[in-house]
Every structure is written in C-alpha cells, then in structure tokens.
Amino acid sequence: MANTAKLTKEERKKSKRASRKKRKAEKPLKPRDYARGSKKPKVKKLARGQAKR
C-alpha cells in the first residue's frame, strides 16, 4: 500500500478500502475443511469451578 500520510482522511479511507478489495480478489481464503468451533477444547462443566455457579 502506498504512503497515505499526505492524503486527506476521506482519500485515505478510499485507498485503504480499494487495497483491501484488491487483496481479497487476488488472494481469496480457501474454504474451511472442518466445522467452525470443532477444534476448540471442550471443557467439562465441573472443571470450570466457580464460573458455572
């Protein structure tokens, strides 16, 4: 991304948004091959202690 120090706030917003959109088009994220949250550690309710009370 270019140096935005000399731009006004509105121009800076526009250039940042344009660079984000460009990056998203060039390097799309690959789709997940596992369910969201499935890799989180599962915690039993007793192990949480006071937090469940």
N, C-alpha and C. Protein backbone atom coordinates (compact mmCIF):
# COMPACT_ATOMS: atom_id res chain seq x y z
N MET A 1 0.84 -1.19 0.00
CA MET A 1 0.00 0.00 0.00
C MET A 1 0.87 1.24 0.00
N ALA A 2 0.44 2.26 -0.71
CA ALA A 2 1.22 3.49 -0.84
C ALA A 2 1.22 4.27 0.48
N ASN A 3 2.13 5.24 0.58
CA ASN A 3 2.19 6.10 1.75
C ASN A 3 0.96 7.01 1.75
N THR A 4 0.15 6.95 2.81
CA THR A 4 -1.10 7.72 2.84
C THR A 4 -1.01 8.94 3.74
N ALA A 5 0.20 9.28 4.21
CA ALA A 5 0.35 10.39 5.17
C ALA A 5 -0.08 11.72 4.57
N LYS A 6 0.08 11.92 3.28
CA LYS A 6 -0.22 13.20 2.66
C LYS A 6 -1.66 13.31 2.18
N LEU A 7 -2.44 12.23 2.28
CA LEU A 7 -3.82 12.24 1.81
C LEU A 7 -4.76 12.77 2.89
N THR A 8 -5.92 13.24 2.48
CA THR A 8 -6.94 13.62 3.47
C THR A 8 -7.57 12.36 4.03
N LYS A 9 -8.35 12.53 5.08
CA LYS A 9 -8.96 11.36 5.73
C LYS A 9 -9.85 10.58 4.77
N GLU A 10 -10.67 11.29 4.00
CA GLU A 10 -11.58 10.60 3.07
C GLU A 10 -10.81 9.85 1.99
N GLU A 11 -9.77 10.50 1.45
CA GLU A 11 -8.97 9.83 0.41
C GLU A 11 -8.27 8.60 0.99
N ARG A 12 -7.82 8.73 2.23
CA ARG A 12 -7.14 7.60 2.89
C ARG A 12 -8.10 6.42 3.05
N LYS A 13 -9.34 6.72 3.47
CA LYS A 13 -10.34 5.66 3.61
C LYS A 13 -10.59 4.96 2.27
N LYS A 14 -10.71 5.77 1.21
CA LYS A 14 -10.96 5.20 -0.11
C LYS A 14 -9.81 4.31 -0.56
N SER A 15 -8.57 4.78 -0.34
CA SER A 15 -7.43 3.99 -0.81
C SER A 15 -7.28 2.71 -0.01
N LYS A 16 -7.53 2.77 1.29
CA LYS A 16 -7.44 1.56 2.11
C LYS A 16 -8.49 0.54 1.70
N ARG A 17 -9.73 1.03 1.47
CA ARG A 17 -10.79 0.13 1.06
C ARG A 17 -10.47 -0.52 -0.28
N ALA A 18 -9.93 0.30 -1.21
CA ALA A 18 -9.58 -0.23 -2.52
C ALA A 18 -8.50 -1.30 -2.41
N SER A 19 -7.50 -1.06 -1.54
CA SER A 19 -6.42 -2.05 -1.41
C SER A 19 -6.92 -3.32 -0.75
N ARG A 20 -7.88 -3.20 0.19
CA ARG A 20 -8.46 -4.39 0.82
C ARG A 20 -9.22 -5.22 -0.20
N LYS A 21 -10.03 -4.53 -1.02
CA LYS A 21 -10.81 -5.24 -2.03
C LYS A 21 -9.89 -5.92 -3.03
N LYS A 22 -8.80 -5.23 -3.40
CA LYS A 22 -7.84 -5.79 -4.35
C LYS A 22 -7.18 -7.04 -3.79
N ARG A 23 -6.78 -6.96 -2.51
CA ARG A 23 -6.12 -8.11 -1.87
C ARG A 23 -7.08 -9.29 -1.78
N LYS A 24 -8.36 -9.00 -1.47
CA LYS A 24 -9.34 -10.08 -1.35
C LYS A 24 -9.54 -10.77 -2.70
N ALA A 25 -9.50 -9.98 -3.79
CA ALA A 25 -9.68 -10.55 -5.12
C ALA A 25 -8.47 -11.39 -5.53
N GLU A 26 -7.27 -10.92 -5.13
CA GLU A 26 -6.04 -11.62 -5.54
C GLU A 26 -5.81 -12.90 -4.73
N LYS A 27 -6.08 -12.83 -3.40
CA LYS A 27 -5.78 -13.98 -2.54
C LYS A 27 -7.02 -14.38 -1.76
N PRO A 28 -7.97 -15.06 -2.41
CA PRO A 28 -9.17 -15.47 -1.67
C PRO A 28 -8.85 -16.55 -0.63
N LEU A 29 -9.59 -16.54 0.47
CA LEU A 29 -9.39 -17.55 1.50
C LEU A 29 -9.95 -18.88 1.02
N LYS A 30 -9.23 -19.96 1.30
CA LYS A 30 -9.74 -21.26 0.89
C LYS A 30 -10.85 -21.66 1.85
N PRO A 31 -11.85 -22.39 1.37
CA PRO A 31 -12.95 -22.77 2.26
C PRO A 31 -12.47 -23.72 3.35
N ARG A 32 -13.09 -23.59 4.51
CA ARG A 32 -12.75 -24.42 5.66
C ARG A 32 -13.06 -25.88 5.38
N ASP A 33 -12.19 -26.78 5.86
CA ASP A 33 -12.47 -28.21 5.67
C ASP A 33 -12.89 -28.87 6.98
N TYR A 34 -13.30 -28.04 7.96
CA TYR A 34 -13.80 -28.57 9.23
C TYR A 34 -14.85 -27.59 9.75
N ALA A 35 -15.72 -28.05 10.61
CA ALA A 35 -16.79 -27.20 11.14
C ALA A 35 -16.23 -26.13 12.06
N ARG A 36 -16.83 -24.95 12.01
CA ARG A 36 -16.38 -23.87 12.88
C ARG A 36 -16.55 -24.27 14.34
N GLY A 37 -15.53 -24.02 15.14
CA GLY A 37 -15.63 -24.32 16.57
C GLY A 37 -15.34 -25.76 16.92
N SER A 38 -15.15 -26.61 15.93
CA SER A 38 -14.95 -28.03 16.24
C SER A 38 -13.57 -28.30 16.84
N LYS A 39 -12.62 -27.38 16.64
CA LYS A 39 -11.27 -27.58 17.16
C LYS A 39 -11.06 -26.92 18.52
N LYS A 40 -12.12 -26.29 19.05
CA LYS A 40 -11.99 -25.68 20.37
C LYS A 40 -11.89 -26.76 21.43
N PRO A 41 -11.09 -26.56 22.46
CA PRO A 41 -11.01 -27.56 23.52
C PRO A 41 -12.33 -27.62 24.28
N LYS A 42 -12.85 -28.83 24.46
CA LYS A 42 -14.10 -29.00 25.18
C LYS A 42 -13.82 -29.04 26.68
N VAL A 43 -14.55 -28.22 27.46
CA VAL A 43 -14.32 -28.14 28.90
C VAL A 43 -15.55 -28.65 29.63
N LYS A 44 -15.36 -29.61 30.50
CA LYS A 44 -16.47 -30.14 31.29
C LYS A 44 -16.93 -29.07 32.29
N LYS A 45 -18.21 -29.11 32.62
CA LYS A 45 -18.76 -28.07 33.50
C LYS A 45 -18.10 -28.07 34.88
N LEU A 46 -17.78 -29.25 35.41
CA LEU A 46 -17.16 -29.31 36.74
C LEU A 46 -15.78 -28.67 36.73
N ALA A 47 -15.08 -28.78 35.62
CA ALA A 47 -13.71 -28.24 35.57
C ALA A 47 -13.70 -26.72 35.60
N ARG A 48 -14.83 -26.09 35.27
CA ARG A 48 -14.86 -24.64 35.25
C ARG A 48 -14.91 -24.03 36.65
N GLY A 49 -15.31 -24.82 37.63
CA GLY A 49 -15.33 -24.34 39.01
C GLY A 49 -16.40 -23.29 39.27
N GLN A 50 -16.02 -22.13 39.84
CA GLN A 50 -16.97 -21.10 40.24
C GLN A 50 -17.71 -20.50 39.06
N ALA A 51 -17.13 -20.56 37.88
CA ALA A 51 -17.71 -19.89 36.72
C ALA A 51 -19.12 -20.39 36.39
N LYS A 52 -19.42 -21.64 36.72
CA LYS A 52 -20.74 -22.17 36.36
C LYS A 52 -21.80 -21.87 37.42
N ARG A 53 -21.37 -21.32 38.53
CA ARG A 53 -22.33 -21.09 39.64
C ARG A 53 -22.80 -19.65 39.65
